[in-house]
Amino acid sequence: MIGLTTLYFDCFSGASGDMILGALLDAGLPLDDLRHALGSLAVDRDAVWTDRVTRTGVTATKFHVRGESAAHAHSHDHDSGAQHAHHHPHTHAPKDSSGHAHGHAHTHSHGEDHTHSHSHSHSHEHAHRTLPDIFTLIDGSALSRSGKDRAKALFTRLGEAEAAIHGTPMNQVHLHEVGALDSIVDIVGTVYALEVLAPARIVASPLNVGSGTIRSAHGLYPVPAPATVRLLQNMPIYAGLQQAEMVTPTGALLIGAYAESYGPVPPMRISRVGYGAGARDLPDTPNVLRVLIGEAASNAAAHSVVVVEAEIDDMNPQIFGLLMERLLAEGALDVFYTSIQMKKNRPGTLLTIVAAPEARERLTAIVFRETTTIGVRYREMARECLDRTVVSIDTPLGAVRIKVASRDGERLNASPEFDDCVRIARERDLPLKDVQAAAMKAFLDR
């Protein structure tokens, strides 16, 4: 596993805890190592297991956990039609149409992240643990000390979401469906897996949350459900065509805790691919989470940027200079203007801003405040930059900085610092082009 530097979660069919673990196991994490790491959470060897399944033509790994209340699992009816897995004698859980079982109808889905932490007590027995109860179970795992701390921090965040939704003090929070053993295994197992894989960078796609409604004990809830929405804050999401719940609270929790950025697949040389399956085989898309693991394609920085644009045809052109200065001062990576022809044959200017995604709202506010436009549009794009270094070269005319751009150790471009050349040209009353030529000769001859 050493040397794997980039891990990408492709959440085109959403995410759940067991799908994440299934994908990491499918990518090569040994199941026996996971069982050992779970410690007392896996009371015997058969407490966790995997099956090879097919989801809309894609072969994937389905991760299972033997649940705590098998005796009454068969009594739970579920909308969308129950489907029972038959891969293992302990598997008996009904699933919903998305294959992401959830707690709203109190489904017990073994090996499936089946949680929504706002499920409530009901007539039959269930695992409703407090945070201290869960922390005790985590301490019984064989995680490293830092891994145990990470797992506890994740459950604390779940508890905070539950407390915020219900207006309950943290010390009175009972985690309902997410307090069940299978959800605890999903979280502890994922912490262990990512600790072993130790990628230098984790990136995720925007999450498909599905659409429609799901039924809870209190009625119909919109997708995504309240607990999931709370955990999805500051994460890019979209509503796919599936009329189903595609992201569970545990899935949102884990992706949000580990992904350092979101966007398309970063430049990388893929060495491992894993597919983690949900329970149901959807008719229109593979119900799987895909993980890609490998080395970055180069040492160059590859990341997402946002491009913000606006057309302007009714503004004093003197303002454009000040606008550019303010946008660059507030973090824009680039600002440029393009002459365009607009409605009613009027000449106009296309303003284009390139920036980090987190700077979009701040820069958009400047555009609205400083210009006459009444709307902007934006899109996220991938940007790759060459590695850049600056070296100082002594020339017969004086010291000049040279900007050097390279990729994978190969020098591709070199250019004298313009301001240095201008200064020397003025001081020595020389043509600027001669100073630039002298600087490049000294760089190439060094």
Protein backbone atom coordinates (compact mmCIF):
# COMPACT_ATOMS: atom_id res chain seq x y z
CA MET A 1 0.00 0.00 0.00
CA ILE A 2 2.99 2.34 0.42
CA GLY A 3 3.28 5.07 -2.18
CA LEU A 4 -0.43 5.47 -3.00
CA THR A 5 -0.78 9.22 -2.92
CA THR A 6 -4.21 10.05 -4.34
CA LEU A 7 -7.59 8.49 -3.48
CA TYR A 8 -10.72 9.58 -5.32
CA PHE A 9 -14.29 8.81 -4.19
CA ASP A 10 -16.62 8.81 -7.21
CA CYS A 11 -20.08 9.35 -5.66
CA PHE A 12 -22.19 9.23 -8.84
CA SER A 13 -24.63 6.90 -7.02
CA GLY A 14 -24.32 8.61 -3.66
CA ALA A 15 -22.50 7.18 -0.66
CA SER A 16 -23.13 5.08 2.42
CA GLY A 17 -20.82 3.63 5.05
CA ASP A 18 -20.93 0.06 3.78
CA MET A 19 -20.46 1.18 0.17
CA ILE A 20 -17.31 3.07 1.18
CA LEU A 21 -15.91 0.05 3.03
CA GLY A 22 -16.94 -2.27 0.19
CA ALA A 23 -15.07 -0.12 -2.32
CA LEU A 24 -11.91 0.00 -0.18
CA LEU A 25 -12.02 -3.77 0.29
CA ASP A 26 -12.61 -4.21 -3.44
CA ALA A 27 -9.53 -2.05 -4.08
CA GLY A 28 -7.36 -4.46 -2.13
CA LEU A 29 -7.77 -3.92 1.62
CA PRO A 30 -7.53 -7.43 3.16
CA LEU A 31 -10.75 -8.46 4.89
CA ASP A 32 -8.86 -10.39 7.59
CA ASP A 33 -6.87 -7.27 8.45
CA LEU A 34 -10.13 -5.35 8.81
CA ARG A 35 -11.56 -8.07 11.07
CA HIS A 36 -8.48 -7.83 13.29
CA ALA A 37 -8.73 -4.04 13.46
CA LEU A 38 -12.37 -4.23 14.54
CA GLY A 39 -11.30 -6.13 17.67
CA SER A 40 -14.23 -6.85 19.95
CA LEU A 41 -16.64 -5.17 17.50
CA ALA A 42 -16.39 -8.34 15.42
CA VAL A 43 -17.16 -10.94 18.07
CA ASP A 44 -16.31 -13.80 15.71
CA ARG A 45 -14.86 -14.29 12.27
CA ASP A 46 -18.28 -14.44 10.61
CA ALA A 47 -19.47 -11.15 12.09
CA VAL A 48 -18.37 -9.32 8.93
CA TRP A 49 -18.14 -10.71 5.41
CA THR A 50 -18.35 -9.72 1.76
CA ASP A 51 -20.11 -10.94 -1.36
CA ARG A 52 -19.41 -10.35 -5.04
CA VAL A 53 -22.55 -8.89 -6.62
CA THR A 54 -23.52 -7.21 -9.87
CA ARG A 55 -25.16 -3.78 -10.03
CA THR A 56 -26.48 -2.79 -13.48
CA GLY A 57 -23.68 -4.72 -15.16
CA VAL A 58 -20.88 -3.66 -12.77
CA THR A 59 -19.31 -6.28 -10.48
CA ALA A 60 -18.77 -4.91 -6.97
CA THR A 61 -18.09 -5.91 -3.37
CA LYS A 62 -21.01 -5.90 -0.92
CA PHE A 63 -19.91 -5.48 2.70
CA HIS A 64 -22.07 -7.07 5.41
CA VAL A 65 -22.22 -6.91 9.20
CA ARG A 66 -24.25 -9.35 11.27
CA GLY A 67 -26.73 -7.17 13.15
CA GLU A 68 -27.86 -7.16 16.76
CA SER A 69 -31.59 -7.87 16.54
CA ALA A 70 -31.89 -10.55 13.90
CA ALA A 71 -34.92 -12.11 15.52
CA HIS A 72 -37.24 -9.23 14.72
CA ALA A 73 -35.73 -7.95 11.50
CA HIS A 74 -38.23 -9.93 9.41
CA SER A 75 -41.14 -8.05 10.94
CA HIS A 76 -40.23 -4.68 9.39
CA ASP A 77 -42.27 -3.76 6.37
CA HIS A 78 -40.81 -1.20 4.02
CA ASP A 79 -42.16 0.86 1.22
CA SER A 80 -40.71 0.30 -2.26
CA GLY A 81 -40.83 -3.46 -1.80
CA ALA A 82 -38.59 -5.48 0.50
CA GLN A 83 -35.71 -7.36 -0.99
CA HIS A 84 -33.78 -9.92 1.02
CA ALA A 85 -30.18 -10.81 0.38
CA HIS A 86 -29.43 -14.52 0.29
CA HIS A 87 -25.65 -14.51 0.20
CA HIS A 88 -25.14 -15.46 3.84
CA PRO A 89 -27.22 -17.17 6.49
CA HIS A 90 -27.19 -14.03 8.64
CA THR A 91 -28.40 -11.73 5.87
CA HIS A 92 -32.07 -10.94 6.23
CA ALA A 93 -32.52 -7.22 5.80
CA PRO A 94 -35.18 -5.54 3.64
CA LYS A 95 -33.89 -2.73 1.45
CA ASP A 96 -35.42 0.34 -0.09
CA SER A 97 -35.53 1.20 -3.78
CA SER A 98 -32.18 2.98 -3.70
CA GLY A 99 -30.37 0.15 -2.04
CA HIS A 100 -29.33 2.56 0.70
CA ALA A 101 -31.32 1.36 3.66
CA HIS A 102 -32.20 4.05 6.15
CA GLY A 103 -33.67 4.30 9.56
CA HIS A 104 -36.86 6.10 8.69
CA ALA A 105 -38.89 2.94 8.38
CA HIS A 106 -36.67 1.26 10.94
CA THR A 107 -35.14 -1.08 8.42
CA HIS A 108 -32.31 -3.28 9.69
CA SER A 109 -29.89 -3.60 6.82
CA HIS A 110 -26.85 -5.64 7.77
CA GLY A 111 -23.68 -4.43 6.21
CA GLU A 112 -25.59 -1.48 4.80
CA ASP A 113 -25.31 1.98 6.24
CA HIS A 114 -28.95 2.18 7.17
CA THR A 115 -29.01 5.27 9.25
CA HIS A 116 -30.69 8.52 9.73
CA SER A 117 -29.93 9.79 13.13
CA HIS A 118 -33.34 11.36 13.58
CA SER A 119 -35.21 8.07 13.77
CA HIS A 120 -37.16 7.74 17.01
CA SER A 121 -37.96 5.09 19.54
CA HIS A 122 -40.48 2.46 18.63
CA SER A 123 -42.15 -0.56 20.07
CA HIS A 124 -39.49 -3.17 19.40
CA GLU A 125 -36.04 -3.24 20.88
CA HIS A 126 -33.23 -1.48 19.02
CA ALA A 127 -29.73 -0.20 19.67
CA HIS A 128 -30.14 3.35 20.97
CA ARG A 129 -26.68 4.12 22.29
CA THR A 130 -25.31 7.28 23.85
CA LEU A 131 -21.95 8.66 22.81
CA PRO A 132 -20.19 7.21 25.90
CA ASP A 133 -21.62 3.78 24.98
CA ILE A 134 -20.19 4.09 21.46
CA PHE A 135 -16.84 5.37 22.74
CA THR A 136 -16.56 2.24 24.89
CA LEU A 137 -17.12 0.07 21.83
CA ILE A 138 -14.51 2.05 19.87
CA ASP A 139 -12.01 1.55 22.68
CA GLY A 140 -12.56 -2.19 22.25
CA SER A 141 -11.39 -2.01 18.64
CA ALA A 142 -7.76 -2.55 17.62
CA LEU A 143 -7.45 0.89 16.02
CA SER A 144 -4.40 2.99 16.77
CA ARG A 145 -4.78 5.67 19.40
CA SER A 146 -5.13 8.35 16.70
CA GLY A 147 -7.63 6.14 14.86
CA LYS A 148 -9.78 5.78 17.97
CA ASP A 149 -9.67 9.54 18.47
CA ARG A 150 -10.72 10.07 14.84
CA ALA A 151 -13.62 7.63 15.15
CA LYS A 152 -14.81 9.30 18.35
CA ALA A 153 -14.63 12.71 16.69
CA LEU A 154 -16.80 11.40 13.83
CA PHE A 155 -19.46 10.12 16.22
CA THR A 156 -19.32 13.39 18.13
CA ARG A 157 -20.18 15.16 14.91
CA LEU A 158 -23.12 12.79 14.41
CA GLY A 159 -24.24 13.58 17.95
CA GLU A 160 -24.02 17.30 17.26
CA ALA A 161 -26.19 16.87 14.17
CA GLU A 162 -28.77 14.91 16.16
CA ALA A 163 -28.76 17.48 18.97
CA ALA A 164 -29.17 20.37 16.53
CA ILE A 165 -32.10 18.75 14.71
CA HIS A 166 -34.05 17.86 17.84
CA GLY A 167 -32.95 20.70 20.10
CA THR A 168 -31.52 18.17 22.54
CA PRO A 169 -28.48 18.80 24.77
CA MET A 170 -25.47 16.71 23.75
CA ASN A 171 -25.41 14.88 27.08
CA GLN A 172 -28.95 13.63 26.40
CA VAL A 173 -28.42 12.56 22.80
CA HIS A 174 -29.18 8.93 21.95
CA LEU A 175 -27.91 7.89 18.54
CA HIS A 176 -30.63 5.69 17.15
CA GLU A 177 -29.95 3.93 13.85
CA VAL A 178 -26.35 5.22 13.72
CA GLY A 179 -25.81 3.71 17.15
CA ALA A 180 -26.39 0.21 15.77
CA LEU A 181 -23.40 -2.07 15.52
CA ASP A 182 -23.29 -2.18 11.73
CA SER A 183 -22.99 1.62 11.49
CA ILE A 184 -20.28 1.62 14.16
CA VAL A 185 -18.40 -1.02 12.18
CA ASP A 186 -18.76 1.04 8.99
CA ILE A 187 -17.20 4.09 10.61
CA VAL A 188 -14.48 2.31 12.58
CA GLY A 189 -13.65 0.15 9.55
CA THR A 190 -13.34 3.16 7.25
CA VAL A 191 -11.08 4.96 9.74
CA TYR A 192 -8.84 1.88 9.80
CA ALA A 193 -8.85 1.45 6.02
CA LEU A 194 -7.84 5.03 5.30
CA GLU A 195 -5.22 4.90 8.04
CA VAL A 196 -3.65 1.85 6.35
CA LEU A 197 -3.91 3.20 2.81
CA ALA A 198 -2.59 6.56 4.04
CA PRO A 199 -3.19 8.52 0.81
CA ALA A 200 -1.49 11.89 0.66
CA ARG A 201 -4.62 13.39 -0.86
CA ILE A 202 -8.30 12.43 -0.82
CA VAL A 203 -10.66 13.98 -3.36
CA ALA A 204 -14.36 13.32 -3.94
CA SER A 205 -16.83 14.05 -6.69
CA PRO A 206 -19.97 16.06 -5.94
CA LEU A 207 -22.48 13.74 -4.26
CA ASN A 208 -25.65 12.52 -5.95
CA VAL A 209 -28.21 12.77 -3.14
CA GLY A 210 -31.16 11.48 -5.17
CA SER A 211 -34.58 13.09 -5.00
CA GLY A 212 -38.15 12.58 -3.87
CA THR A 213 -39.23 11.72 -0.34
CA ILE A 214 -38.68 9.03 2.28
CA ARG A 215 -41.13 7.90 4.94
CA SER A 216 -40.35 8.23 8.63
CA ALA A 217 -42.41 7.55 11.73
CA HIS A 218 -43.56 11.19 11.51
CA GLY A 219 -44.52 11.21 7.84
CA LEU A 220 -42.78 11.99 4.55
CA TYR A 221 -39.39 13.70 4.70
CA PRO A 222 -37.71 15.28 1.66
CA VAL A 223 -34.50 13.82 0.27
CA PRO A 224 -31.91 14.44 1.58
CA ALA A 225 -33.28 13.97 5.09
CA PRO A 226 -32.60 16.49 7.89
CA ALA A 227 -29.67 14.64 9.49
CA THR A 228 -28.04 14.11 6.12
CA VAL A 229 -28.50 17.76 5.12
CA ARG A 230 -26.81 18.83 8.33
CA LEU A 231 -23.80 16.64 7.57
CA LEU A 232 -23.66 17.71 3.91
CA GLN A 233 -23.06 21.38 4.72
CA ASN A 234 -20.23 22.89 2.65
CA MET A 235 -20.15 19.84 0.37
CA PRO A 236 -21.15 20.01 -3.34
CA ILE A 237 -24.32 17.99 -4.00
CA TYR A 238 -26.85 17.52 -6.76
CA ALA A 239 -30.19 15.76 -7.18
CA GLY A 240 -29.84 12.83 -9.55
CA LEU A 241 -32.66 11.27 -11.53
CA GLN A 242 -33.19 8.51 -8.96
CA GLN A 243 -36.36 8.93 -6.91
CA ALA A 244 -34.59 7.60 -3.84
CA GLU A 245 -32.30 8.48 -0.97
CA MET A 246 -28.76 8.05 -2.34
CA VAL A 247 -26.65 9.52 0.49
CA THR A 248 -26.99 8.38 4.09
CA PRO A 249 -25.78 10.27 7.17
CA THR A 250 -22.81 7.93 7.61
CA GLY A 251 -21.85 8.33 3.96
CA ALA A 252 -22.06 12.12 4.21
CA LEU A 253 -20.10 12.06 7.47
CA LEU A 254 -17.22 9.99 6.11
CA ILE A 255 -16.86 11.72 2.74
CA GLY A 256 -17.08 15.13 4.39
CA ALA A 257 -14.50 14.26 7.04
CA TYR A 258 -11.88 12.90 4.67
CA ALA A 259 -12.21 14.71 1.32
CA GLU A 260 -9.94 17.74 1.17
CA SER A 261 -11.47 18.93 -2.12
CA TYR A 262 -14.27 18.11 -4.56
CA GLY A 263 -14.42 18.01 -8.32
CA PRO A 264 -13.54 15.85 -11.32
CA VAL A 265 -10.97 13.07 -11.18
CA PRO A 266 -7.58 14.71 -10.58
CA PRO A 267 -4.67 13.87 -12.91
CA MET A 268 -3.40 10.51 -11.67
CA ARG A 269 -1.98 7.15 -12.73
CA ILE A 270 -4.53 4.66 -11.46
CA SER A 271 -3.12 1.58 -9.76
CA ARG A 272 -6.23 0.29 -7.93
CA VAL A 273 -9.98 0.53 -8.58
CA GLY A 274 -12.69 -0.58 -6.17
CA TYR A 275 -16.48 -0.76 -6.39
CA GLY A 276 -18.62 -0.90 -3.24
CA ALA A 277 -22.20 -2.05 -3.78
CA GLY A 278 -25.47 -0.86 -2.34
CA ALA A 279 -28.20 -3.44 -1.73
CA ARG A 280 -30.57 -2.81 -4.63
CA ASP A 281 -29.79 -3.23 -8.35
CA LEU A 282 -31.20 0.02 -9.79
CA PRO A 283 -32.54 -0.04 -13.35
CA ASP A 284 -30.89 3.16 -14.59
CA THR A 285 -27.42 3.35 -13.01
CA PRO A 286 -24.96 1.07 -11.17
CA ASN A 287 -25.73 1.39 -7.46
CA VAL A 288 -22.06 1.47 -6.49
CA LEU A 289 -19.48 3.83 -5.07
CA ARG A 290 -16.22 3.80 -7.02
CA VAL A 291 -12.81 4.49 -5.52
CA LEU A 292 -9.72 5.22 -7.63
CA ILE A 293 -6.29 4.98 -6.01
CA GLY A 294 -2.93 5.83 -7.54
CA GLU A 295 -0.10 8.26 -8.00
CA ALA A 296 -0.59 11.84 -9.06
CA ALA A 297 0.10 12.10 -12.79
CA SER A 298 2.84 14.63 -12.17
CA ASN A 299 4.28 16.80 -9.46
CA ALA A 300 2.31 19.70 -10.87
CA ALA A 301 -0.50 21.12 -8.81
CA ALA A 302 -3.84 19.87 -10.15
CA HIS A 303 -6.94 21.31 -8.56
CA SER A 304 -10.38 22.74 -9.15
CA VAL A 305 -10.98 26.37 -9.97
CA VAL A 306 -14.16 28.32 -10.51
CA VAL A 307 -14.65 30.56 -13.56
CA VAL A 308 -17.01 33.51 -12.98
CA GLU A 309 -18.25 35.54 -15.94
CA ALA A 310 -20.44 38.58 -16.56
CA GLU A 311 -21.19 40.70 -19.66
CA ILE A 312 -21.24 44.48 -19.12
CA ASP A 313 -22.26 47.11 -21.68
CA ASP A 314 -23.40 50.10 -19.62
CA MET A 315 -20.50 50.95 -17.29
CA ASN A 316 -17.92 53.72 -17.26
CA PRO A 317 -14.78 52.02 -18.66
CA GLN A 318 -12.63 53.77 -16.05
CA ILE A 319 -14.10 51.44 -13.43
CA PHE A 320 -12.65 48.30 -15.05
CA GLY A 321 -9.11 49.11 -13.92
CA LEU A 322 -10.12 49.51 -10.27
CA LEU A 323 -12.32 46.41 -10.46
CA MET A 324 -9.39 44.27 -11.63
CA GLU A 325 -7.18 45.57 -8.81
CA ARG A 326 -9.80 44.79 -6.16
CA LEU A 327 -10.55 41.30 -7.48
CA LEU A 328 -6.86 40.38 -7.57
CA ALA A 329 -6.34 41.81 -4.10
CA GLU A 330 -9.20 39.64 -2.79
CA GLY A 331 -7.70 36.40 -4.07
CA ALA A 332 -8.63 36.06 -7.76
CA LEU A 333 -6.05 33.94 -9.59
CA ASP A 334 -6.66 35.78 -12.84
CA VAL A 335 -8.92 38.54 -14.16
CA PHE A 336 -9.26 39.50 -17.82
CA TYR A 337 -11.59 41.38 -20.17
CA THR A 338 -12.76 40.42 -23.66
CA SER A 339 -14.47 42.72 -26.15
CA ILE A 340 -17.84 41.30 -27.23
CA GLN A 341 -20.92 42.37 -29.16
CA MET A 342 -24.12 42.33 -27.12
CA LYS A 343 -27.86 42.86 -27.60
CA LYS A 344 -29.03 45.76 -29.76
CA ASN A 345 -25.61 45.71 -31.47
CA ARG A 346 -23.97 47.38 -28.49
CA PRO A 347 -20.25 46.79 -27.83
CA GLY A 348 -19.62 45.30 -24.41
CA THR A 349 -17.02 43.68 -22.20
CA LEU A 350 -16.91 40.11 -20.95
CA LEU A 351 -15.48 39.98 -17.44
CA THR A 352 -13.81 36.64 -16.62
CA ILE A 353 -12.50 35.73 -13.16
CA VAL A 354 -10.55 32.57 -12.34
CA ALA A 355 -10.40 31.74 -8.63
CA ALA A 356 -10.38 29.01 -6.03
CA PRO A 357 -13.93 27.65 -5.49
CA GLU A 358 -14.03 28.90 -1.90
CA ALA A 359 -13.40 32.48 -3.11
CA ARG A 360 -16.39 32.57 -5.48
CA GLU A 361 -18.94 34.17 -3.17
CA ARG A 362 -16.49 36.81 -1.96
CA LEU A 363 -15.46 37.79 -5.51
CA THR A 364 -19.04 37.71 -6.81
CA ALA A 365 -20.02 40.17 -4.07
CA ILE A 366 -17.30 42.55 -5.32
CA VAL A 367 -18.60 42.27 -8.89
CA PHE A 368 -22.15 43.13 -7.82
CA ARG A 369 -20.96 46.02 -5.65
CA GLU A 370 -18.51 47.57 -8.11
CA THR A 371 -20.18 47.04 -11.49
CA THR A 372 -23.55 47.55 -13.17
CA THR A 373 -24.17 43.87 -13.94
CA ILE A 374 -27.28 42.24 -12.48
CA GLY A 375 -26.10 38.65 -12.83
CA VAL A 376 -23.07 36.40 -13.11
CA ARG A 377 -22.61 32.78 -14.15
CA TYR A 378 -19.97 30.36 -12.93
CA ARG A 379 -18.67 26.87 -13.52
CA GLU A 380 -16.05 24.67 -11.90
CA MET A 381 -13.12 23.46 -13.99
CA ALA A 382 -9.95 21.48 -13.40
CA ARG A 383 -6.69 23.42 -13.61
CA GLU A 384 -3.19 21.99 -13.79
CA CYS A 385 -0.12 24.15 -13.33
CA LEU A 386 3.51 23.44 -14.06
CA ASP A 387 5.91 23.36 -11.14
CA ARG A 388 7.40 26.84 -10.83
CA THR A 389 10.64 27.94 -9.23
CA VAL A 390 12.60 31.20 -9.26
CA VAL A 391 16.39 31.29 -9.54
CA SER A 392 18.63 34.35 -9.38
CA ILE A 393 21.27 34.62 -12.12
CA ASP A 394 24.27 36.98 -12.18
CA THR A 395 24.59 38.61 -15.60
CA PRO A 396 27.14 41.16 -16.87
CA LEU A 397 24.40 43.75 -16.38
CA GLY A 398 23.39 42.70 -12.85
CA ALA A 399 21.32 40.06 -11.05
CA VAL A 400 18.11 38.92 -12.75
CA ARG A 401 15.52 36.46 -11.44
CA ILE A 402 14.52 33.69 -13.86
CA LYS A 403 11.14 31.99 -13.58
CA VAL A 404 11.49 28.30 -14.43
CA ALA A 405 8.50 26.03 -15.21
CA SER A 406 8.88 22.25 -15.26
CA ARG A 407 6.89 19.01 -15.29
CA ASP A 408 8.09 15.71 -13.88
CA GLY A 409 11.55 17.20 -13.50
CA GLU A 410 11.80 18.34 -17.14
CA ARG A 411 12.29 22.06 -17.69
CA LEU A 412 9.72 23.34 -20.18
CA ASN A 413 9.90 27.12 -19.92
CA ALA A 414 12.20 29.78 -18.53
CA SER A 415 11.62 33.52 -18.55
CA PRO A 416 13.48 36.52 -17.05
CA GLU A 417 11.52 38.48 -14.46
CA PHE A 418 10.12 41.41 -16.43
CA ASP A 419 10.42 43.96 -13.62
CA ASP A 420 14.12 43.11 -13.10
CA CYS A 421 14.83 43.62 -16.79
CA VAL A 422 12.93 46.91 -16.89
CA ARG A 423 14.92 48.21 -13.91
CA ILE A 424 18.27 47.34 -15.49
CA ALA A 425 17.23 48.76 -18.87
CA ARG A 426 16.36 52.07 -17.25
CA GLU A 427 19.48 52.19 -15.07
CA ARG A 428 21.83 51.46 -18.00
CA ASP A 429 19.80 53.14 -20.75
CA LEU A 430 19.64 49.92 -22.74
CA PRO A 431 16.92 48.37 -24.92
CA LEU A 432 14.73 46.08 -22.85
CA LYS A 433 15.07 43.25 -25.40
CA ASP A 434 18.87 43.31 -25.03
CA VAL A 435 18.61 42.97 -21.26
CA GLN A 436 16.21 40.04 -21.63
CA ALA A 437 18.53 38.35 -24.12
CA ALA A 438 21.54 38.80 -21.84
CA ALA A 439 19.62 37.33 -18.91
CA MET A 440 18.56 34.24 -20.88
CA LYS A 441 22.11 33.71 -22.19
CA ALA A 442 23.50 33.82 -18.66
CA PHE A 443 20.82 31.35 -17.52
CA LEU A 444 21.52 28.89 -20.35
CA ASP A 445 25.32 29.17 -19.95
CA ARG A 446 25.34 28.63 -16.20
